[in-house]
Amino acid sequence: MRQRIMSYYYKGKPNHELTIYQKEAVDELYRDYKKLKGNSYIDKYYERMNNWKVNYEDELED
C-alpha cells in the first residue's frame, strides 16, 4: 500500500495535482494502511497530497 501511495505521489508531484480517481484511490489506500497499523512514514506525503488540486475533468495517466 505504501508503495502505491508513493507512486501516486510522484506522478502528481510535478503539478501538485491528482485526478478524482487518483485521489479516491489514495484516500482508500491510506485508510487501509492505517487500519493495518502502518507507521507514520506515509502521513506527511498524504497530508501534502490533500493540499493538491483535484482535477475532476481530465484523467492524468496512471
N, C-alpha and C. Protein backbone atom coordinates (compact mmCIF):
# COMPACT_ATOMS: atom_id res chain seq x y z
N MET A 1 0.82 -1.18 0.00
CA MET A 1 0.00 0.00 0.00
C MET A 1 0.87 1.25 0.00
N ARG A 2 1.90 1.20 0.82
CA ARG A 2 2.79 2.36 0.90
C ARG A 2 3.40 2.66 -0.47
N GLN A 3 3.81 1.63 -1.18
CA GLN A 3 4.42 1.83 -2.50
C GLN A 3 3.42 2.42 -3.49
N ARG A 4 2.18 1.99 -3.42
CA ARG A 4 1.16 2.52 -4.34
C ARG A 4 0.86 3.98 -4.02
N ILE A 5 0.79 4.32 -2.74
CA ILE A 5 0.57 5.73 -2.36
C ILE A 5 1.72 6.58 -2.87
N MET A 6 2.95 6.08 -2.70
CA MET A 6 4.10 6.85 -3.14
C MET A 6 4.13 6.97 -4.66
N SER A 7 3.64 5.97 -5.36
CA SER A 7 3.56 6.04 -6.81
C SER A 7 2.63 7.18 -7.25
N TYR A 8 1.47 7.28 -6.60
CA TYR A 8 0.56 8.39 -6.89
C TYR A 8 1.20 9.73 -6.52
N TYR A 9 1.94 9.74 -5.43
CA TYR A 9 2.60 10.97 -5.00
C TYR A 9 3.56 11.47 -6.09
N TYR A 10 4.42 10.59 -6.57
CA TYR A 10 5.41 11.02 -7.55
C TYR A 10 4.80 11.33 -8.92
N LYS A 11 3.68 10.71 -9.26
CA LYS A 11 3.01 11.03 -10.51
C LYS A 11 2.37 12.42 -10.45
N GLY A 12 1.82 12.78 -9.30
CA GLY A 12 1.14 14.06 -9.18
C GLY A 12 2.03 15.21 -8.75
N LYS A 13 3.21 14.90 -8.24
CA LYS A 13 4.09 15.92 -7.67
C LYS A 13 4.47 17.05 -8.63
N PRO A 14 4.80 16.78 -9.89
CA PRO A 14 5.23 17.89 -10.76
C PRO A 14 4.22 19.03 -10.85
N ASN A 15 2.93 18.71 -10.87
CA ASN A 15 1.89 19.74 -11.00
C ASN A 15 1.10 19.94 -9.72
N HIS A 16 1.43 19.17 -8.68
CA HIS A 16 0.64 19.17 -7.44
C HIS A 16 -0.83 18.98 -7.75
N GLU A 17 -1.10 17.91 -8.51
CA GLU A 17 -2.45 17.66 -8.98
C GLU A 17 -2.73 16.17 -9.07
N LEU A 18 -3.93 15.77 -8.70
CA LEU A 18 -4.40 14.40 -8.85
C LEU A 18 -5.75 14.41 -9.55
N THR A 19 -6.05 13.34 -10.29
CA THR A 19 -7.41 13.21 -10.80
C THR A 19 -8.29 12.78 -9.64
N ILE A 20 -9.58 12.89 -9.83
CA ILE A 20 -10.51 12.45 -8.79
C ILE A 20 -10.33 10.96 -8.52
N TYR A 21 -10.05 10.19 -9.56
CA TYR A 21 -9.85 8.75 -9.40
C TYR A 21 -8.60 8.44 -8.59
N GLN A 22 -7.54 9.18 -8.84
CA GLN A 22 -6.31 9.01 -8.07
C GLN A 22 -6.52 9.41 -6.63
N LYS A 23 -7.21 10.52 -6.41
CA LYS A 23 -7.47 10.99 -5.04
C LYS A 23 -8.28 9.96 -4.25
N GLU A 24 -9.32 9.42 -4.87
CA GLU A 24 -10.12 8.41 -4.19
C GLU A 24 -9.30 7.16 -3.88
N ALA A 25 -8.43 6.77 -4.81
CA ALA A 25 -7.58 5.60 -4.59
C ALA A 25 -6.61 5.85 -3.44
N VAL A 26 -6.00 7.04 -3.42
CA VAL A 26 -5.06 7.38 -2.35
C VAL A 26 -5.77 7.39 -1.00
N ASP A 27 -6.96 7.97 -0.95
CA ASP A 27 -7.71 8.01 0.31
C ASP A 27 -8.01 6.60 0.81
N GLU A 28 -8.44 5.73 -0.09
CA GLU A 28 -8.75 4.36 0.31
C GLU A 28 -7.50 3.59 0.74
N LEU A 29 -6.43 3.76 0.00
CA LEU A 29 -5.18 3.10 0.37
C LEU A 29 -4.68 3.58 1.73
N TYR A 30 -4.78 4.87 1.96
CA TYR A 30 -4.31 5.43 3.23
C TYR A 30 -5.16 4.90 4.39
N ARG A 31 -6.47 4.86 4.24
CA ARG A 31 -7.33 4.31 5.30
C ARG A 31 -6.97 2.86 5.61
N ASP A 32 -6.78 2.06 4.55
CA ASP A 32 -6.42 0.66 4.75
C ASP A 32 -5.04 0.53 5.38
N TYR A 33 -4.12 1.36 4.96
CA TYR A 33 -2.76 1.37 5.51
C TYR A 33 -2.80 1.62 7.02
N LYS A 34 -3.57 2.60 7.43
CA LYS A 34 -3.66 2.93 8.86
C LYS A 34 -4.41 1.86 9.64
N LYS A 35 -5.42 1.23 9.04
CA LYS A 35 -6.14 0.14 9.70
C LYS A 35 -5.21 -1.03 10.00
N LEU A 36 -4.25 -1.23 9.11
CA LEU A 36 -3.30 -2.31 9.28
C LEU A 36 -2.09 -1.88 10.12
N LYS A 37 -2.24 -0.77 10.82
CA LYS A 37 -1.21 -0.24 11.72
C LYS A 37 0.06 0.20 10.99
N GLY A 38 -0.13 0.73 9.77
CA GLY A 38 1.00 1.29 9.04
C GLY A 38 1.62 2.42 9.84
N ASN A 39 2.92 2.53 9.75
CA ASN A 39 3.62 3.55 10.54
C ASN A 39 3.38 4.96 9.98
N SER A 40 4.00 5.93 10.57
CA SER A 40 3.75 7.33 10.21
C SER A 40 4.54 7.80 8.99
N TYR A 41 5.32 6.93 8.38
CA TYR A 41 6.13 7.30 7.22
C TYR A 41 5.29 8.00 6.15
N ILE A 42 4.13 7.47 5.88
CA ILE A 42 3.32 7.95 4.76
C ILE A 42 2.50 9.19 5.11
N ASP A 43 2.36 9.51 6.38
CA ASP A 43 1.49 10.61 6.81
C ASP A 43 1.84 11.94 6.16
N LYS A 44 3.13 12.29 6.11
CA LYS A 44 3.49 13.60 5.55
C LYS A 44 3.20 13.67 4.05
N TYR A 45 3.35 12.57 3.34
CA TYR A 45 3.05 12.57 1.91
C TYR A 45 1.54 12.66 1.67
N TYR A 46 0.79 11.96 2.50
CA TYR A 46 -0.67 12.01 2.38
C TYR A 46 -1.17 13.43 2.67
N GLU A 47 -0.63 14.06 3.68
CA GLU A 47 -1.03 15.43 4.00
C GLU A 47 -0.70 16.39 2.86
N ARG A 48 0.45 16.22 2.24
CA ARG A 48 0.81 17.06 1.10
C ARG A 48 -0.19 16.88 -0.03
N MET A 49 -0.53 15.62 -0.34
CA MET A 49 -1.46 15.36 -1.43
C MET A 49 -2.85 15.92 -1.14
N ASN A 50 -3.22 16.02 0.13
CA ASN A 50 -4.50 16.60 0.49
C ASN A 50 -4.58 18.08 0.16
N ASN A 51 -3.44 18.72 -0.03
CA ASN A 51 -3.41 20.14 -0.38
C ASN A 51 -3.29 20.38 -1.89
N TRP A 52 -3.19 19.32 -2.65
CA TRP A 52 -3.07 19.44 -4.09
C TRP A 52 -4.42 19.65 -4.75
N LYS A 53 -4.36 20.17 -5.96
CA LYS A 53 -5.57 20.35 -6.77
C LYS A 53 -6.11 18.97 -7.17
N VAL A 54 -7.42 18.83 -7.15
CA VAL A 54 -8.07 17.62 -7.63
C VAL A 54 -8.75 17.97 -8.95
N ASN A 55 -8.34 17.29 -10.00
CA ASN A 55 -8.87 17.52 -11.33
C ASN A 55 -10.08 16.61 -11.53
N TYR A 56 -11.25 17.18 -11.63
CA TYR A 56 -12.49 16.43 -11.78
C TYR A 56 -12.84 16.15 -13.25
N GLU A 57 -12.09 16.72 -14.17
CA GLU A 57 -12.46 16.59 -15.59
C GLU A 57 -11.54 15.65 -16.35
N ASP A 58 -10.27 15.97 -16.38
CA ASP A 58 -9.32 15.18 -17.17
C ASP A 58 -8.61 14.18 -16.28
N GLU A 59 -8.48 12.99 -16.80
CA GLU A 59 -7.76 11.96 -16.04
C GLU A 59 -6.30 12.00 -16.42
N LEU A 60 -5.43 12.15 -15.41
CA LEU A 60 -3.99 12.07 -15.66
C LEU A 60 -3.65 10.60 -15.87
N GLU A 61 -2.56 10.34 -16.55
CA GLU A 61 -2.16 8.95 -16.77
C GLU A 61 -1.79 8.29 -15.45
N ASP A 62 -2.23 7.05 -15.29
CA ASP A 62 -1.86 6.24 -14.12
C ASP A 62 -0.61 5.46 -14.38
